[in-house]
Amino acid sequence: MRLKLLTFLIALLVPLSSAWGAGFKDTAGQWWEQSIAECNAASIMVGRSDDLFVPKESVTRMEAIILLNRALGFRNEADGYAMSPGGYNFPADFPEWGKRNVAFAADKGYISKSGIPTMQPKHPASRAEIAVLFANALNLSADGYQLNFADNAAIASSLQPFVAAAVKHGVMVGKTDNKFEPNANVTRGEMAVIIARLFENGKINPQASNYYVAR
């Protein structure tokens, strides 16, 4: 009886384990595979097609805000947000599909409403910008934490407290050669890693009825 029960449990577990990293041909075996699978399972990030995620494509500033809203569990609220008429000064070429999410983030206080006219929503988001965005949204403080990256001087002094907060709380880490590379673009794969890291350390839960844990 015990043997039959064990066989039954194994039969249940093997397909689940195999399916965890399946689906995208361009993420298999790469360092961000699990994180992308987690974000996809939580309906935060989807592929560019059924079998391609395109992990090396840069995330735009507007996409970063939308993904953050989803990661924080605000997808429905942000997608259907009732914007105050005329309160945001969107440029004429601002993508219509992103306005509600951006307005929501501005009213929540983790982006500046006054910065919307010059936001350049289609511009790739830099690592420093992502640090500021997440530090603001999660109310993170550096609390005296000191950065010791080899390229500290490349991080604008006004942004250093936000980068320090993001690093201290594990939102972001350095890159090769102990550099932060504040001006480097954040890719879709890297964004998935940042969000999944927050799942795993308990800082966010986009679906309160579910638990997200490391593989």
N, C-alpha and C. Protein backbone atom coordinates (compact mmCIF):
# COMPACT_ATOMS: atom_id res chain seq x y z
N MET A 1 0.83 -1.21 0.00
CA MET A 1 0.00 0.00 0.00
C MET A 1 0.87 1.26 0.00
N ARG A 2 1.94 1.25 0.83
CA ARG A 2 2.83 2.40 0.88
C ARG A 2 3.52 2.62 -0.46
N LEU A 3 3.91 1.52 -1.11
CA LEU A 3 4.58 1.61 -2.40
C LEU A 3 3.65 2.21 -3.45
N LYS A 4 2.38 1.79 -3.43
CA LYS A 4 1.41 2.32 -4.38
C LYS A 4 1.19 3.82 -4.16
N LEU A 5 1.14 4.20 -2.87
CA LEU A 5 0.94 5.61 -2.55
C LEU A 5 2.12 6.44 -3.01
N LEU A 6 3.35 5.93 -2.79
CA LEU A 6 4.55 6.64 -3.21
C LEU A 6 4.59 6.79 -4.72
N THR A 7 4.23 5.73 -5.45
CA THR A 7 4.21 5.77 -6.90
C THR A 7 3.22 6.82 -7.40
N PHE A 8 2.06 6.87 -6.74
CA PHE A 8 1.03 7.83 -7.10
C PHE A 8 1.52 9.27 -6.90
N LEU A 9 2.21 9.52 -5.77
CA LEU A 9 2.71 10.86 -5.49
C LEU A 9 3.78 11.28 -6.49
N ILE A 10 4.64 10.36 -6.85
CA ILE A 10 5.68 10.64 -7.84
C ILE A 10 5.05 10.98 -9.19
N ALA A 11 4.01 10.25 -9.55
CA ALA A 11 3.32 10.50 -10.81
C ALA A 11 2.73 11.90 -10.85
N LEU A 12 2.28 12.38 -9.69
CA LEU A 12 1.73 13.73 -9.62
C LEU A 12 2.82 14.79 -9.69
N LEU A 13 3.95 14.54 -9.03
CA LEU A 13 4.99 15.55 -8.89
C LEU A 13 5.83 15.72 -10.15
N VAL A 14 6.11 14.68 -10.87
CA VAL A 14 7.01 14.77 -12.02
C VAL A 14 6.47 15.69 -13.11
N PRO A 15 5.21 15.57 -13.53
CA PRO A 15 4.72 16.51 -14.54
C PRO A 15 4.75 17.95 -14.06
N LEU A 16 4.46 18.19 -12.77
CA LEU A 16 4.48 19.55 -12.24
C LEU A 16 5.89 20.13 -12.31
N SER A 17 6.86 19.35 -11.91
CA SER A 17 8.24 19.81 -11.93
C SER A 17 8.70 20.09 -13.35
N SER A 18 8.32 19.22 -14.29
CA SER A 18 8.75 19.39 -15.67
C SER A 18 8.11 20.61 -16.30
N ALA A 19 6.85 20.89 -15.92
CA ALA A 19 6.14 22.00 -16.52
C ALA A 19 6.61 23.35 -16.00
N TRP A 20 7.29 23.35 -14.84
CA TRP A 20 7.67 24.61 -14.20
C TRP A 20 8.48 25.51 -15.12
N GLY A 21 9.48 24.94 -15.79
CA GLY A 21 10.32 25.77 -16.63
C GLY A 21 9.99 25.66 -18.10
N ALA A 22 8.91 24.98 -18.43
CA ALA A 22 8.57 24.74 -19.82
C ALA A 22 7.82 25.92 -20.41
N GLY A 23 7.76 25.96 -21.75
CA GLY A 23 6.92 26.93 -22.41
C GLY A 23 7.67 27.86 -23.34
N PHE A 24 8.76 28.45 -22.88
CA PHE A 24 9.49 29.41 -23.70
C PHE A 24 10.81 28.79 -24.18
N LYS A 25 10.97 28.72 -25.49
CA LYS A 25 12.16 28.10 -26.05
C LYS A 25 13.42 28.93 -25.78
N ASP A 26 13.25 30.23 -25.61
CA ASP A 26 14.42 31.10 -25.48
C ASP A 26 14.81 31.39 -24.04
N THR A 27 14.23 30.67 -23.08
CA THR A 27 14.65 30.84 -21.68
C THR A 27 15.18 29.55 -21.07
N ALA A 28 14.99 28.43 -21.74
CA ALA A 28 15.37 27.14 -21.19
C ALA A 28 16.86 27.09 -20.87
N GLY A 29 17.18 26.71 -19.62
CA GLY A 29 18.56 26.54 -19.21
C GLY A 29 19.29 27.82 -18.88
N GLN A 30 18.62 28.97 -18.98
CA GLN A 30 19.26 30.24 -18.69
C GLN A 30 19.02 30.65 -17.24
N TRP A 31 19.82 31.59 -16.75
CA TRP A 31 19.80 31.92 -15.32
C TRP A 31 18.49 32.56 -14.89
N TRP A 32 17.73 33.09 -15.81
CA TRP A 32 16.46 33.72 -15.44
C TRP A 32 15.26 32.84 -15.73
N GLU A 33 15.49 31.58 -16.09
CA GLU A 33 14.39 30.69 -16.48
C GLU A 33 13.33 30.56 -15.38
N GLN A 34 13.76 30.26 -14.16
CA GLN A 34 12.80 30.05 -13.07
C GLN A 34 12.03 31.33 -12.76
N SER A 35 12.73 32.46 -12.73
CA SER A 35 12.08 33.73 -12.41
C SER A 35 11.02 34.07 -13.45
N ILE A 36 11.33 33.84 -14.71
CA ILE A 36 10.37 34.09 -15.78
C ILE A 36 9.16 33.18 -15.63
N ALA A 37 9.41 31.92 -15.28
CA ALA A 37 8.31 30.98 -15.07
C ALA A 37 7.41 31.43 -13.92
N GLU A 38 8.01 31.94 -12.85
CA GLU A 38 7.23 32.42 -11.71
C GLU A 38 6.37 33.62 -12.11
N CYS A 39 6.96 34.58 -12.81
CA CYS A 39 6.22 35.77 -13.22
C CYS A 39 5.13 35.43 -14.23
N ASN A 40 5.40 34.46 -15.07
CA ASN A 40 4.39 34.02 -16.03
C ASN A 40 3.25 33.31 -15.33
N ALA A 41 3.58 32.47 -14.35
CA ALA A 41 2.55 31.74 -13.60
C ALA A 41 1.66 32.69 -12.81
N ALA A 42 2.24 33.81 -12.36
CA ALA A 42 1.48 34.80 -11.59
C ALA A 42 0.78 35.82 -12.48
N SER A 43 0.84 35.61 -13.80
CA SER A 43 0.20 36.50 -14.79
C SER A 43 0.72 37.93 -14.72
N ILE A 44 2.00 38.07 -14.38
CA ILE A 44 2.61 39.40 -14.37
C ILE A 44 3.32 39.68 -15.69
N MET A 45 4.04 38.69 -16.19
CA MET A 45 4.74 38.83 -17.46
C MET A 45 4.35 37.67 -18.37
N VAL A 46 4.14 37.98 -19.63
CA VAL A 46 3.78 36.96 -20.61
C VAL A 46 4.79 36.99 -21.74
N GLY A 47 4.75 35.97 -22.57
CA GLY A 47 5.67 35.91 -23.70
C GLY A 47 5.27 36.85 -24.81
N ARG A 48 6.21 37.07 -25.71
CA ARG A 48 5.91 37.84 -26.91
C ARG A 48 5.14 36.99 -27.92
N SER A 49 5.21 35.67 -27.72
CA SER A 49 4.41 34.72 -28.49
C SER A 49 4.22 33.51 -27.58
N ASP A 50 3.57 32.48 -28.08
CA ASP A 50 3.30 31.31 -27.24
C ASP A 50 4.57 30.64 -26.74
N ASP A 51 5.64 30.67 -27.55
CA ASP A 51 6.84 29.94 -27.16
C ASP A 51 8.09 30.80 -27.04
N LEU A 52 7.96 32.13 -27.18
CA LEU A 52 9.11 33.02 -27.06
C LEU A 52 8.83 34.11 -26.03
N PHE A 53 9.75 34.25 -25.08
CA PHE A 53 9.62 35.29 -24.07
C PHE A 53 10.40 36.54 -24.46
N VAL A 54 11.48 36.37 -25.20
CA VAL A 54 12.40 37.45 -25.61
C VAL A 54 12.98 38.12 -24.36
N PRO A 55 13.76 37.39 -23.58
CA PRO A 55 14.27 37.90 -22.30
C PRO A 55 15.28 39.02 -22.41
N LYS A 56 15.94 39.16 -23.57
CA LYS A 56 16.98 40.17 -23.70
C LYS A 56 16.46 41.50 -24.23
N GLU A 57 15.16 41.58 -24.49
CA GLU A 57 14.56 42.84 -24.95
C GLU A 57 14.46 43.80 -23.76
N SER A 58 14.75 45.08 -24.01
CA SER A 58 14.69 46.08 -22.94
C SER A 58 13.25 46.34 -22.51
N VAL A 59 13.08 46.61 -21.23
CA VAL A 59 11.79 47.01 -20.67
C VAL A 59 11.69 48.53 -20.77
N THR A 60 10.57 49.04 -21.28
CA THR A 60 10.40 50.49 -21.37
C THR A 60 9.97 51.05 -20.01
N ARG A 61 10.06 52.36 -19.87
CA ARG A 61 9.66 52.99 -18.62
C ARG A 61 8.18 52.73 -18.32
N MET A 62 7.35 52.80 -19.34
CA MET A 62 5.93 52.55 -19.11
C MET A 62 5.67 51.10 -18.77
N GLU A 63 6.34 50.18 -19.45
CA GLU A 63 6.19 48.77 -19.14
C GLU A 63 6.61 48.47 -17.71
N ALA A 64 7.68 49.11 -17.26
CA ALA A 64 8.17 48.88 -15.89
C ALA A 64 7.10 49.26 -14.87
N ILE A 65 6.41 50.37 -15.12
CA ILE A 65 5.35 50.80 -14.20
C ILE A 65 4.19 49.82 -14.21
N ILE A 66 3.82 49.36 -15.40
CA ILE A 66 2.71 48.40 -15.51
C ILE A 66 3.06 47.11 -14.80
N LEU A 67 4.28 46.62 -15.00
CA LEU A 67 4.71 45.37 -14.37
C LEU A 67 4.76 45.51 -12.86
N LEU A 68 5.19 46.67 -12.38
CA LEU A 68 5.23 46.90 -10.94
C LEU A 68 3.82 46.91 -10.37
N ASN A 69 2.89 47.57 -11.03
CA ASN A 69 1.50 47.56 -10.58
C ASN A 69 0.98 46.13 -10.45
N ARG A 70 1.29 45.32 -11.44
CA ARG A 70 0.84 43.92 -11.41
C ARG A 70 1.50 43.15 -10.27
N ALA A 71 2.80 43.38 -10.10
CA ALA A 71 3.53 42.67 -9.06
C ALA A 71 3.01 42.99 -7.68
N LEU A 72 2.51 44.22 -7.51
CA LEU A 72 1.99 44.64 -6.22
C LEU A 72 0.53 44.21 -6.00
N GLY A 73 -0.03 43.53 -6.99
CA GLY A 73 -1.40 43.04 -6.86
C GLY A 73 -2.46 44.04 -7.28
N PHE A 74 -2.05 45.09 -8.03
CA PHE A 74 -2.97 46.15 -8.41
C PHE A 74 -3.42 46.07 -9.86
N ARG A 75 -3.28 44.92 -10.49
CA ARG A 75 -3.54 44.85 -11.93
C ARG A 75 -4.93 45.36 -12.30
N ASN A 76 -5.95 44.81 -11.70
CA ASN A 76 -7.32 45.21 -12.06
C ASN A 76 -7.59 46.66 -11.71
N GLU A 77 -7.11 47.06 -10.55
CA GLU A 77 -7.33 48.44 -10.11
C GLU A 77 -6.64 49.43 -11.04
N ALA A 78 -5.41 49.12 -11.44
CA ALA A 78 -4.65 50.03 -12.30
C ALA A 78 -5.17 50.02 -13.73
N ASP A 79 -5.50 48.83 -14.25
CA ASP A 79 -6.00 48.74 -15.63
C ASP A 79 -7.33 49.48 -15.80
N GLY A 80 -8.14 49.51 -14.75
CA GLY A 80 -9.43 50.17 -14.84
C GLY A 80 -9.51 51.46 -14.07
N TYR A 81 -8.36 52.07 -13.82
CA TYR A 81 -8.30 53.24 -12.95
C TYR A 81 -9.09 54.42 -13.52
N ALA A 82 -9.89 55.06 -12.67
CA ALA A 82 -10.67 56.24 -13.07
C ALA A 82 -9.79 57.47 -12.89
N MET A 83 -9.22 57.95 -13.96
CA MET A 83 -8.30 59.07 -13.89
C MET A 83 -9.06 60.39 -13.67
N SER A 84 -8.45 61.26 -12.91
CA SER A 84 -9.02 62.60 -12.75
C SER A 84 -8.88 63.35 -14.07
N PRO A 85 -9.97 63.89 -14.61
CA PRO A 85 -9.91 64.57 -15.92
C PRO A 85 -8.87 65.69 -15.94
N GLY A 86 -7.98 65.61 -16.94
CA GLY A 86 -7.00 66.67 -17.14
C GLY A 86 -5.93 66.80 -16.09
N GLY A 87 -5.80 65.82 -15.23
CA GLY A 87 -4.87 65.97 -14.12
C GLY A 87 -3.47 65.45 -14.34
N TYR A 88 -3.16 64.95 -15.53
CA TYR A 88 -1.87 64.26 -15.71
C TYR A 88 -1.00 64.82 -16.83
N ASN A 89 -1.54 65.64 -17.68
CA ASN A 89 -0.76 66.28 -18.76
C ASN A 89 0.00 65.28 -19.63
N PHE A 90 -0.71 64.25 -20.09
CA PHE A 90 -0.08 63.30 -21.00
C PHE A 90 0.23 63.96 -22.33
N PRO A 91 1.43 63.75 -22.88
CA PRO A 91 1.73 64.26 -24.21
C PRO A 91 0.82 63.60 -25.25
N ALA A 92 0.70 64.23 -26.40
CA ALA A 92 -0.22 63.73 -27.44
C ALA A 92 0.16 62.33 -27.91
N ASP A 93 1.44 62.00 -27.88
CA ASP A 93 1.87 60.69 -28.40
C ASP A 93 2.01 59.63 -27.31
N PHE A 94 1.51 59.90 -26.12
CA PHE A 94 1.61 58.93 -25.02
C PHE A 94 0.69 57.74 -25.32
N PRO A 95 1.21 56.49 -25.26
CA PRO A 95 0.38 55.32 -25.59
C PRO A 95 -0.89 55.25 -24.73
N GLU A 96 -2.01 55.16 -25.39
CA GLU A 96 -3.30 55.18 -24.70
C GLU A 96 -3.42 54.02 -23.71
N TRP A 97 -2.88 52.84 -24.11
CA TRP A 97 -3.07 51.64 -23.30
C TRP A 97 -2.32 51.69 -21.96
N GLY A 98 -1.38 52.62 -21.82
CA GLY A 98 -0.62 52.69 -20.57
C GLY A 98 -1.02 53.83 -19.65
N LYS A 99 -1.91 54.70 -20.10
CA LYS A 99 -2.23 55.90 -19.33
C LYS A 99 -2.81 55.60 -17.95
N ARG A 100 -3.73 54.67 -17.85
CA ARG A 100 -4.38 54.39 -16.58
C ARG A 100 -3.38 53.87 -15.55
N ASN A 101 -2.46 52.99 -15.99
CA ASN A 101 -1.45 52.46 -15.07
C ASN A 101 -0.50 53.55 -14.59
N VAL A 102 -0.12 54.44 -15.49
CA VAL A 102 0.79 55.52 -15.12
C VAL A 102 0.09 56.50 -14.17
N ALA A 103 -1.17 56.82 -14.46
CA ALA A 103 -1.94 57.71 -13.58
C ALA A 103 -2.10 57.08 -12.20
N PHE A 104 -2.35 55.78 -12.17
CA PHE A 104 -2.50 55.06 -10.91
C PHE A 104 -1.21 55.16 -10.08
N ALA A 105 -0.08 54.90 -10.73
CA ALA A 105 1.21 54.97 -10.04
C ALA A 105 1.50 56.39 -9.54
N ALA A 106 1.12 57.39 -10.33
CA ALA A 106 1.33 58.78 -9.91
C ALA A 106 0.49 59.11 -8.69
N ASP A 107 -0.75 58.67 -8.70
CA ASP A 107 -1.62 58.96 -7.56
C ASP A 107 -1.25 58.15 -6.33
N LYS A 108 -0.60 56.99 -6.54
CA LYS A 108 -0.09 56.21 -5.41
C LYS A 108 1.18 56.83 -4.85
N GLY A 109 1.84 57.66 -5.66
CA GLY A 109 3.01 58.37 -5.18
C GLY A 109 4.35 57.74 -5.49
N TYR A 110 4.38 56.68 -6.29
CA TYR A 110 5.70 56.11 -6.57
C TYR A 110 6.29 56.55 -7.90
N ILE A 111 5.59 57.39 -8.64
CA ILE A 111 6.21 58.18 -9.70
C ILE A 111 5.70 59.61 -9.54
N SER A 112 6.37 60.54 -10.16
CA SER A 112 6.00 61.94 -10.04
C SER A 112 4.97 62.32 -11.09
N LYS A 113 3.84 62.86 -10.66
CA LYS A 113 2.82 63.31 -11.61
C LYS A 113 3.38 64.43 -12.49
N SER A 114 4.20 65.30 -11.91
CA SER A 114 4.75 66.41 -12.68
C SER A 114 5.74 65.94 -13.74
N GLY A 115 6.24 64.71 -13.59
CA GLY A 115 7.20 64.19 -14.56
C GLY A 115 6.57 63.48 -15.74
N ILE A 116 5.27 63.30 -15.73
CA ILE A 116 4.60 62.56 -16.81
C ILE A 116 4.81 63.21 -18.18
N PRO A 117 4.70 64.53 -18.32
CA PRO A 117 4.87 65.13 -19.65
C PRO A 117 6.23 64.85 -20.29
N THR A 118 7.26 64.65 -19.48
CA THR A 118 8.61 64.42 -20.03
C THR A 118 9.09 62.99 -19.79
N MET A 119 8.18 62.09 -19.50
CA MET A 119 8.55 60.73 -19.10
C MET A 119 9.19 59.91 -20.21
N GLN A 120 8.83 60.17 -21.46
CA GLN A 120 9.29 59.34 -22.59
C GLN A 120 8.99 57.86 -22.31
N PRO A 121 7.71 57.49 -22.35
CA PRO A 121 7.29 56.15 -21.94
C PRO A 121 7.88 54.99 -22.72
N LYS A 122 8.28 55.23 -23.97
CA LYS A 122 8.83 54.15 -24.80
C LYS A 122 10.34 54.02 -24.65
N HIS A 123 10.95 54.90 -23.83
CA HIS A 123 12.39 54.86 -23.63
C HIS A 123 12.73 53.69 -22.71
N PRO A 124 13.82 52.94 -23.00
CA PRO A 124 14.20 51.84 -22.10
C PRO A 124 14.45 52.32 -20.68
N ALA A 125 14.01 51.56 -19.70
CA ALA A 125 14.23 51.90 -18.30
C ALA A 125 15.64 51.50 -17.89
N SER A 126 16.33 52.39 -17.21
CA SER A 126 17.69 52.09 -16.74
C SER A 126 17.64 51.41 -15.38
N ARG A 127 18.75 50.84 -14.98
CA ARG A 127 18.82 50.18 -13.68
C ARG A 127 18.60 51.17 -12.54
N ALA A 128 19.13 52.37 -12.68
CA ALA A 128 18.92 53.37 -11.64
C ALA A 128 17.45 53.75 -11.54
N GLU A 129 16.79 53.88 -12.69
CA GLU A 129 15.37 54.23 -12.70
C GLU A 129 14.52 53.13 -12.06
N ILE A 130 14.87 51.89 -12.32
CA ILE A 130 14.14 50.77 -11.71
C ILE A 130 14.35 50.78 -10.19
N ALA A 131 15.56 51.08 -9.76
CA ALA A 131 15.83 51.15 -8.32
C ALA A 131 14.96 52.22 -7.66
N VAL A 132 14.86 53.39 -8.28
CA VAL A 132 14.04 54.47 -7.74
C VAL A 132 12.57 54.06 -7.71
N LEU A 133 12.10 53.46 -8.79
CA LEU A 133 10.69 53.06 -8.90
C LEU A 133 10.31 52.08 -7.81
N PHE A 134 11.12 51.04 -7.62
CA PHE A 134 10.79 50.02 -6.63
C PHE A 134 10.99 50.52 -5.21
N ALA A 135 12.03 51.32 -4.99
CA ALA A 135 12.26 51.87 -3.64
C ALA A 135 11.08 52.75 -3.22
N ASN A 136 10.58 53.55 -4.16
CA ASN A 136 9.42 54.40 -3.86
C ASN A 136 8.17 53.58 -3.61
N ALA A 137 7.92 52.62 -4.48
CA ALA A 137 6.68 51.83 -4.39
C ALA A 137 6.63 50.98 -3.13
N LEU A 138 7.78 50.49 -2.69
CA LEU A 138 7.84 49.61 -1.53
C LEU A 138 8.21 50.36 -0.24
N ASN A 139 8.36 51.69 -0.36
CA ASN A 139 8.73 52.51 0.80
C ASN A 139 10.01 52.02 1.48
N LEU A 140 11.02 51.76 0.66
CA LEU A 140 12.28 51.25 1.18
C LEU A 140 13.21 52.40 1.55
N SER A 141 13.94 52.21 2.61
CA SER A 141 14.90 53.23 3.06
C SER A 141 16.29 52.63 3.15
N ALA A 142 17.30 53.44 2.80
CA ALA A 142 18.68 52.96 2.88
C ALA A 142 19.15 52.85 4.32
N ASP A 143 18.58 53.67 5.22
CA ASP A 143 18.93 53.63 6.64
C ASP A 143 20.44 53.63 6.87
N GLY A 144 21.14 54.48 6.14
CA GLY A 144 22.57 54.60 6.34
C GLY A 144 23.41 53.60 5.56
N TYR A 145 22.77 52.71 4.79
CA TYR A 145 23.51 51.71 4.01
C TYR A 145 24.39 52.41 2.98
N GLN A 146 25.64 51.99 2.90
CA GLN A 146 26.59 52.62 2.00
C GLN A 146 26.90 51.71 0.81
N LEU A 147 26.79 52.27 -0.38
CA LEU A 147 27.13 51.53 -1.59
C LEU A 147 28.65 51.43 -1.72
N ASN A 148 29.13 50.30 -2.20
CA ASN A 148 30.57 50.17 -2.41
C ASN A 148 30.89 49.59 -3.78
N PHE A 149 30.10 49.97 -4.77
CA PHE A 149 30.35 49.52 -6.13
C PHE A 149 31.55 50.26 -6.71
N ALA A 150 32.22 49.60 -7.62
CA ALA A 150 33.38 50.22 -8.26
C ALA A 150 32.99 51.44 -9.08
N ASP A 151 31.72 51.49 -9.51
CA ASP A 151 31.27 52.62 -10.31
C ASP A 151 30.28 53.51 -9.54
N ASN A 152 30.47 53.61 -8.24
CA ASN A 152 29.61 54.49 -7.42
C ASN A 152 29.49 55.89 -8.02
N ALA A 153 30.60 56.40 -8.56
CA ALA A 153 30.62 57.76 -9.09
C ALA A 153 29.69 57.93 -10.28
N ALA A 154 29.33 56.82 -10.93
CA ALA A 154 28.44 56.89 -12.09
C ALA A 154 26.98 57.00 -11.68
N ILE A 155 26.70 56.78 -10.40
CA ILE A 155 25.32 56.88 -9.90
C ILE A 155 25.10 58.31 -9.42
N ALA A 156 24.14 59.00 -10.02
CA ALA A 156 23.87 60.39 -9.64
C ALA A 156 23.64 60.48 -8.14
N SER A 157 24.18 61.52 -7.53
CA SER A 157 24.09 61.64 -6.07
C SER A 157 22.64 61.67 -5.60
N SER A 158 21.75 62.25 -6.40
CA SER A 158 20.33 62.31 -6.01
C SER A 158 19.66 60.94 -6.05
N LEU A 159 20.26 60.01 -6.79
CA LEU A 159 19.67 58.67 -6.92
C LEU A 159 20.31 57.66 -5.98
N GLN A 160 21.47 57.99 -5.42
CA GLN A 160 22.19 57.02 -4.60
C GLN A 160 21.37 56.49 -3.41
N PRO A 161 20.58 57.33 -2.72
CA PRO A 161 19.79 56.78 -1.61
C PRO A 161 18.79 55.72 -2.06
N PHE A 162 18.22 55.91 -3.26
CA PHE A 162 17.26 54.94 -3.79
C PHE A 162 17.95 53.65 -4.20
N VAL A 163 19.10 53.79 -4.86
CA VAL A 163 19.86 52.61 -5.25
C VAL A 163 20.31 51.86 -4.00
N ALA A 164 20.78 52.60 -2.99
CA ALA A 164 21.21 51.97 -1.74
C ALA A 164 20.06 51.22 -1.08
N ALA A 165 18.88 51.81 -1.10
CA ALA A 165 17.71 51.15 -0.50
C ALA A 165 17.36 49.88 -1.26
N ALA A 166 17.40 49.95 -2.60
CA ALA A 166 17.08 48.78 -3.42
C ALA A 166 18.08 47.65 -3.21
N VAL A 167 19.35 48.01 -3.07
CA VAL A 167 20.39 47.00 -2.85
C VAL A 167 20.30 46.43 -1.44
N LYS A 168 20.12 47.30 -0.45
CA LYS A 168 20.04 46.84 0.94
C LYS A 168 18.92 45.83 1.14
N HIS A 169 17.78 46.09 0.51
CA HIS A 169 16.62 45.23 0.71
C HIS A 169 16.52 44.10 -0.32
N GLY A 170 17.59 43.90 -1.09
CA GLY A 170 17.64 42.76 -1.99
C GLY A 170 16.83 42.87 -3.26
N VAL A 171 16.36 44.06 -3.58
CA VAL A 171 15.61 44.24 -4.82
C VAL A 171 16.54 44.12 -6.02
N MET A 172 17.73 44.70 -5.88
CA MET A 172 18.70 44.66 -6.97
C MET A 172 20.07 44.30 -6.41
N VAL A 173 20.90 43.76 -7.29
CA VAL A 173 22.27 43.39 -6.92
C VAL A 173 23.22 43.96 -7.98
N GLY A 174 24.49 43.92 -7.67
CA GLY A 174 25.47 44.40 -8.61
C GLY A 174 25.66 43.46 -9.79
N LYS A 175 26.38 43.94 -10.78
CA LYS A 175 26.68 43.13 -11.95
C LYS A 175 28.15 42.69 -11.88
N THR A 176 28.71 42.33 -13.00
CA THR A 176 30.09 41.83 -13.00
C THR A 176 31.07 42.91 -12.59
N ASP A 177 32.21 42.49 -12.07
CA ASP A 177 33.30 43.39 -11.66
C ASP A 177 32.85 44.39 -10.59
N ASN A 178 31.91 43.96 -9.73
CA ASN A 178 31.41 44.80 -8.65
C ASN A 178 30.95 46.17 -9.14
N LYS A 179 30.20 46.16 -10.24
CA LYS A 179 29.63 47.39 -10.78
C LYS A 179 28.12 47.35 -10.72
N PHE A 180 27.51 48.51 -10.53
CA PHE A 180 26.05 48.58 -10.54
C PHE A 180 25.52 48.88 -11.94
N GLU A 181 26.28 49.60 -12.72
CA GLU A 181 25.89 49.99 -14.09
C GLU A 181 24.52 50.68 -14.09
N PRO A 182 24.44 51.85 -13.47
CA PRO A 182 23.15 52.53 -13.31
C PRO A 182 22.46 52.91 -14.61
N ASN A 183 23.24 53.10 -15.68
CA ASN A 183 22.66 53.55 -16.94
C ASN A 183 22.34 52.43 -17.91
N ALA A 184 22.65 51.20 -17.52
CA ALA A 184 22.35 50.05 -18.38
C ALA A 184 20.84 49.81 -18.44
N ASN A 185 20.37 49.39 -19.62
CA ASN A 185 18.95 49.08 -19.76
C ASN A 185 18.60 47.80 -18.99
N VAL A 186 17.41 47.75 -18.44
CA VAL A 186 16.92 46.54 -17.77
C VAL A 186 16.17 45.71 -18.79
N THR A 187 16.54 44.44 -18.91
CA THR A 187 15.88 43.56 -19.87
C THR A 187 14.65 42.89 -19.25
N ARG A 188 13.86 42.27 -20.10
CA ARG A 188 12.68 41.56 -19.61
C ARG A 188 13.07 40.42 -18.67
N GLY A 189 14.15 39.74 -18.99
CA GLY A 189 14.61 38.66 -18.12
C GLY A 189 15.05 39.19 -16.77
N GLU A 190 15.78 40.30 -16.77
CA GLU A 190 16.24 40.90 -15.51
C GLU A 190 15.06 41.42 -14.69
N MET A 191 14.06 41.97 -15.36
CA MET A 191 12.88 42.45 -14.64
C MET A 191 12.17 41.29 -13.97
N ALA A 192 12.09 40.17 -14.65
CA ALA A 192 11.46 38.98 -14.05
C ALA A 192 12.23 38.54 -12.81
N VAL A 193 13.56 38.60 -12.87
CA VAL A 193 14.38 38.20 -11.73
C VAL A 193 14.14 39.13 -10.54
N ILE A 194 14.05 40.43 -10.80
CA ILE A 194 13.80 41.40 -9.72
C ILE A 194 12.47 41.11 -9.05
N ILE A 195 11.43 40.91 -9.86
CA ILE A 195 10.10 40.67 -9.31
C ILE A 195 10.04 39.33 -8.57
N ALA A 196 10.61 38.30 -9.16
CA ALA A 196 10.60 36.98 -8.51
C ALA A 196 11.38 36.99 -7.21
N ARG A 197 12.45 37.77 -7.17
CA ARG A 197 13.23 37.89 -5.93
C ARG A 197 12.37 38.48 -4.82
N LEU A 198 11.48 39.39 -5.17
CA LEU A 198 10.58 39.98 -4.18
C LEU A 198 9.52 38.99 -3.72
N PHE A 199 9.06 38.11 -4.64
CA PHE A 199 8.16 37.02 -4.23
C PHE A 199 8.85 36.21 -3.12
N GLU A 200 10.07 35.82 -3.44
CA GLU A 200 10.75 34.81 -2.63
C GLU A 200 11.20 35.33 -1.27
N ASN A 201 11.42 36.64 -1.15
CA ASN A 201 11.78 37.16 0.16
C ASN A 201 10.59 37.77 0.90
N GLY A 202 9.39 37.55 0.34
CA GLY A 202 8.17 37.93 1.03
C GLY A 202 7.80 39.40 1.00
N LYS A 203 8.44 40.19 0.12
CA LYS A 203 8.15 41.61 0.07
C LYS A 203 6.88 41.93 -0.73
N ILE A 204 6.50 41.05 -1.65
CA ILE A 204 5.27 41.26 -2.41
C ILE A 204 4.53 39.94 -2.56
N ASN A 205 3.25 40.03 -2.81
CA ASN A 205 2.43 38.87 -3.16
C ASN A 205 1.29 39.37 -4.04
N PRO A 206 1.43 39.22 -5.36
CA PRO A 206 0.44 39.77 -6.28
C PRO A 206 -0.94 39.14 -6.18
N GLN A 207 -1.00 37.93 -5.64
CA GLN A 207 -2.29 37.25 -5.47
C GLN A 207 -2.33 36.74 -4.04
N ALA A 208 -3.04 37.47 -3.19
CA ALA A 208 -3.00 37.20 -1.75
C ALA A 208 -3.47 35.79 -1.38
N SER A 209 -4.26 35.17 -2.25
CA SER A 209 -4.77 33.82 -1.94
C SER A 209 -3.76 32.74 -2.28
N ASN A 210 -2.65 33.11 -2.91
CA ASN A 210 -1.64 32.13 -3.31
C ASN A 210 -0.30 32.44 -2.66
N TYR A 211 0.55 31.43 -2.58
CA TYR A 211 1.89 31.59 -2.06
C TYR A 211 2.87 31.33 -3.20
N TYR A 212 3.94 32.11 -3.26
CA TYR A 212 4.97 31.90 -4.27
C TYR A 212 6.28 31.60 -3.57
N VAL A 213 6.85 30.47 -3.89
CA VAL A 213 8.08 30.06 -3.23
C VAL A 213 9.09 29.63 -4.28
N ALA A 214 10.35 29.59 -3.89
CA ALA A 214 11.40 29.14 -4.79
C ALA A 214 11.19 27.68 -5.16
N ARG A 215 11.72 27.31 -6.30
CA ARG A 215 11.56 25.95 -6.78
C ARG A 215 12.17 24.95 -5.82
